[in-house]
N, C-alpha and C. Protein backbone atom coordinates (compact mmCIF):
# COMPACT_ATOMS: atom_id res chain seq x y z
N MET A 1 111.95 68.64 139.75
CA MET A 1 111.05 67.55 139.43
C MET A 1 111.07 66.53 140.57
N VAL A 2 109.96 65.82 140.71
CA VAL A 2 109.78 64.83 141.77
C VAL A 2 109.49 63.48 141.13
N GLN A 3 110.14 62.44 141.65
CA GLN A 3 109.91 61.08 141.17
C GLN A 3 109.10 60.32 142.21
N ILE A 4 108.05 59.65 141.74
CA ILE A 4 107.24 58.79 142.60
C ILE A 4 107.41 57.36 142.09
N LEU A 5 107.80 56.45 142.98
CA LEU A 5 107.90 55.03 142.66
C LEU A 5 106.88 54.28 143.50
N PHE A 6 106.23 53.31 142.88
CA PHE A 6 105.13 52.59 143.51
C PHE A 6 105.17 51.13 143.10
N GLN A 7 105.14 50.23 144.07
CA GLN A 7 105.14 48.79 143.79
C GLN A 7 103.71 48.27 143.93
N ARG A 8 102.96 48.32 142.85
CA ARG A 8 101.53 48.05 142.87
C ARG A 8 101.18 46.63 143.31
N GLY A 9 102.02 45.66 142.98
CA GLY A 9 101.73 44.26 143.31
C GLY A 9 101.59 44.01 144.80
N LYS A 10 102.17 44.85 145.62
CA LYS A 10 102.09 44.70 147.07
C LYS A 10 101.03 45.59 147.72
N CYS A 11 100.30 46.34 146.90
CA CYS A 11 99.28 47.26 147.41
C CYS A 11 98.13 46.48 148.05
N ILE A 12 97.67 46.97 149.21
CA ILE A 12 96.53 46.34 149.89
C ILE A 12 95.26 47.17 149.75
N GLY A 13 95.34 48.29 149.03
CA GLY A 13 94.16 49.11 148.75
C GLY A 13 93.59 49.82 149.96
N CYS A 14 94.45 50.33 150.83
CA CYS A 14 93.98 50.98 152.05
C CYS A 14 93.40 52.37 151.79
N ASN A 15 93.73 52.98 150.66
CA ASN A 15 93.20 54.28 150.25
C ASN A 15 93.93 55.47 150.89
N GLY A 16 94.99 55.24 151.65
CA GLY A 16 95.72 56.32 152.30
C GLY A 16 96.36 57.27 151.32
N CYS A 17 96.88 56.75 150.22
CA CYS A 17 97.50 57.60 149.20
C CYS A 17 96.46 58.47 148.51
N VAL A 18 95.29 57.91 148.25
CA VAL A 18 94.22 58.65 147.59
C VAL A 18 93.75 59.81 148.46
N GLU A 19 93.67 59.58 149.77
CA GLU A 19 93.25 60.63 150.68
C GLU A 19 94.25 61.78 150.72
N ALA A 20 95.55 61.47 150.60
CA ALA A 20 96.58 62.51 150.66
C ALA A 20 96.74 63.27 149.34
N ALA A 21 96.63 62.56 148.22
CA ALA A 21 96.85 63.18 146.90
C ALA A 21 95.84 62.61 145.89
N PRO A 22 94.58 63.03 145.98
CA PRO A 22 93.54 62.42 145.15
C PRO A 22 93.68 62.63 143.65
N HIS A 23 94.40 63.65 143.22
CA HIS A 23 94.57 63.85 141.79
C HIS A 23 95.72 63.00 141.22
N ARG A 24 96.51 62.36 142.07
CA ARG A 24 97.63 61.53 141.63
C ARG A 24 97.38 60.04 141.86
N TRP A 25 96.44 59.70 142.75
CA TRP A 25 96.16 58.31 143.10
C TRP A 25 94.68 58.01 142.95
N ARG A 26 94.39 56.77 142.56
CA ARG A 26 92.99 56.34 142.40
C ARG A 26 92.91 54.85 142.72
N VAL A 27 91.81 54.43 143.33
CA VAL A 27 91.58 53.02 143.62
C VAL A 27 90.95 52.38 142.39
N SER A 28 91.48 51.22 141.99
CA SER A 28 90.96 50.49 140.84
C SER A 28 89.64 49.82 141.19
N ARG A 29 88.69 49.92 140.29
CA ARG A 29 87.41 49.24 140.48
C ARG A 29 87.54 47.75 140.18
N LYS A 30 88.56 47.38 139.42
CA LYS A 30 88.76 45.97 139.04
C LYS A 30 89.27 45.12 140.19
N ASP A 31 90.32 45.59 140.87
CA ASP A 31 90.95 44.74 141.89
C ASP A 31 91.10 45.40 143.26
N GLY A 32 90.67 46.65 143.41
CA GLY A 32 90.72 47.32 144.70
C GLY A 32 92.07 47.87 145.09
N ARG A 33 93.08 47.69 144.26
CA ARG A 33 94.41 48.25 144.54
C ARG A 33 94.48 49.67 143.99
N CYS A 34 95.43 50.41 144.50
CA CYS A 34 95.58 51.79 144.04
C CYS A 34 96.39 51.88 142.76
N ASN A 35 96.12 52.90 141.99
CA ASN A 35 96.86 53.18 140.76
C ASN A 35 97.53 54.54 140.87
N LEU A 36 98.76 54.61 140.40
CA LEU A 36 99.48 55.88 140.30
C LEU A 36 99.11 56.48 138.95
N ILE A 37 98.37 57.57 138.98
CA ILE A 37 97.90 58.19 137.74
C ILE A 37 99.10 58.70 136.95
N GLU A 38 99.14 58.36 135.67
CA GLU A 38 100.22 58.67 134.74
C GLU A 38 101.52 57.94 135.06
N GLY A 39 101.42 56.88 135.86
CA GLY A 39 102.60 56.07 136.18
C GLY A 39 102.93 55.12 135.04
N LYS A 40 104.20 54.99 134.75
CA LYS A 40 104.68 54.07 133.71
C LYS A 40 105.23 52.83 134.40
N GLU A 41 104.79 51.64 133.95
CA GLU A 41 105.18 50.39 134.58
C GLU A 41 106.47 49.83 133.99
N LYS A 42 107.35 49.34 134.87
CA LYS A 42 108.57 48.66 134.46
C LYS A 42 108.95 47.67 135.54
N LYS A 43 108.85 46.38 135.21
CA LYS A 43 109.22 45.29 136.11
C LYS A 43 108.48 45.36 137.45
N GLY A 44 107.20 45.65 137.40
CA GLY A 44 106.38 45.66 138.60
C GLY A 44 106.37 46.96 139.38
N PHE A 45 107.19 47.91 138.98
CA PHE A 45 107.22 49.22 139.63
C PHE A 45 106.62 50.25 138.69
N TYR A 46 105.85 51.16 139.25
CA TYR A 46 105.28 52.25 138.49
C TYR A 46 106.02 53.52 138.87
N GLN A 47 106.32 54.34 137.86
CA GLN A 47 107.05 55.58 138.09
C GLN A 47 106.34 56.73 137.43
N ALA A 48 106.30 57.85 138.14
CA ALA A 48 105.76 59.09 137.58
C ALA A 48 106.71 60.22 137.95
N ILE A 49 106.98 61.08 136.99
CA ILE A 49 107.77 62.29 137.23
C ILE A 49 106.78 63.44 137.25
N VAL A 50 106.73 64.15 138.36
CA VAL A 50 105.75 65.22 138.54
C VAL A 50 106.45 66.51 138.96
N SER A 51 105.70 67.59 138.99
CA SER A 51 106.27 68.88 139.39
C SER A 51 106.46 68.93 140.91
N GLU A 52 107.31 69.86 141.32
CA GLU A 52 107.65 69.96 142.74
C GLU A 52 106.48 70.39 143.61
N ASP A 53 105.45 70.98 143.02
CA ASP A 53 104.30 71.39 143.84
C ASP A 53 103.50 70.19 144.35
N GLU A 54 103.77 68.98 143.85
CA GLU A 54 103.11 67.77 144.33
C GLU A 54 103.93 67.02 145.38
N TYR A 55 105.10 67.54 145.71
CA TYR A 55 106.00 66.84 146.62
C TYR A 55 105.38 66.56 147.99
N GLU A 56 104.90 67.59 148.67
CA GLU A 56 104.41 67.44 150.04
C GLU A 56 103.24 66.46 150.15
N GLU A 57 102.28 66.56 149.24
CA GLU A 57 101.13 65.67 149.34
C GLU A 57 101.50 64.22 149.03
N ASN A 58 102.49 64.01 148.16
CA ASN A 58 102.90 62.63 147.88
C ASN A 58 103.83 62.08 148.95
N ILE A 59 104.55 62.94 149.66
CA ILE A 59 105.28 62.50 150.85
C ILE A 59 104.26 62.01 151.89
N GLN A 60 103.15 62.73 152.02
CA GLN A 60 102.09 62.30 152.94
C GLN A 60 101.46 60.99 152.47
N ALA A 61 101.27 60.83 151.16
CA ALA A 61 100.74 59.58 150.61
C ALA A 61 101.65 58.42 150.97
N ALA A 62 102.96 58.61 150.83
CA ALA A 62 103.93 57.57 151.18
C ALA A 62 103.88 57.27 152.68
N ALA A 63 103.75 58.31 153.50
CA ALA A 63 103.67 58.12 154.95
C ALA A 63 102.39 57.38 155.35
N ASN A 64 101.31 57.60 154.62
CA ASN A 64 100.03 56.95 154.91
C ASN A 64 100.01 55.48 154.54
N CYS A 65 100.93 55.05 153.68
CA CYS A 65 100.93 53.67 153.16
C CYS A 65 101.42 52.69 154.24
N PRO A 66 100.55 51.78 154.70
CA PRO A 66 100.95 50.87 155.76
C PRO A 66 101.96 49.81 155.32
N VAL A 67 102.04 49.53 154.03
CA VAL A 67 103.01 48.53 153.54
C VAL A 67 104.27 49.17 152.96
N LYS A 68 104.35 50.49 153.01
CA LYS A 68 105.56 51.26 152.63
C LYS A 68 106.07 50.91 151.23
N ILE A 69 105.18 50.99 150.25
CA ILE A 69 105.55 50.67 148.87
C ILE A 69 105.57 51.89 147.95
N ILE A 70 105.53 53.09 148.55
CA ILE A 70 105.61 54.34 147.80
C ILE A 70 106.88 55.06 148.21
N GLN A 71 107.67 55.46 147.21
CA GLN A 71 108.88 56.24 147.46
C GLN A 71 108.77 57.55 146.69
N VAL A 72 109.11 58.64 147.34
CA VAL A 72 109.05 59.96 146.71
C VAL A 72 110.41 60.62 146.90
N SER A 73 110.98 61.11 145.79
CA SER A 73 112.29 61.76 145.88
C SER A 73 112.37 62.94 144.90
N ILE A 74 113.19 63.90 145.25
CA ILE A 74 113.42 65.05 144.38
C ILE A 74 114.57 64.71 143.45
N LEU A 75 114.36 64.95 142.17
CA LEU A 75 115.41 64.66 141.17
C LEU A 75 116.33 65.84 141.00
């Protein structure tokens, strides 16, 4: 399993994560920031546990993030 952590409050909405993993990330129409699809919020951080087949594309999403607010790790 793979854990994705995302600090949405610091997101600048650059869309880099969406380009790397479009089925896991989406830009909000309300505020222009990105959303982690199926992410659960806790104290400003969003977390999603996903299958290992999403690891590489979410590593790329984290690498694309200019403010470095996405962390991806194998559990």
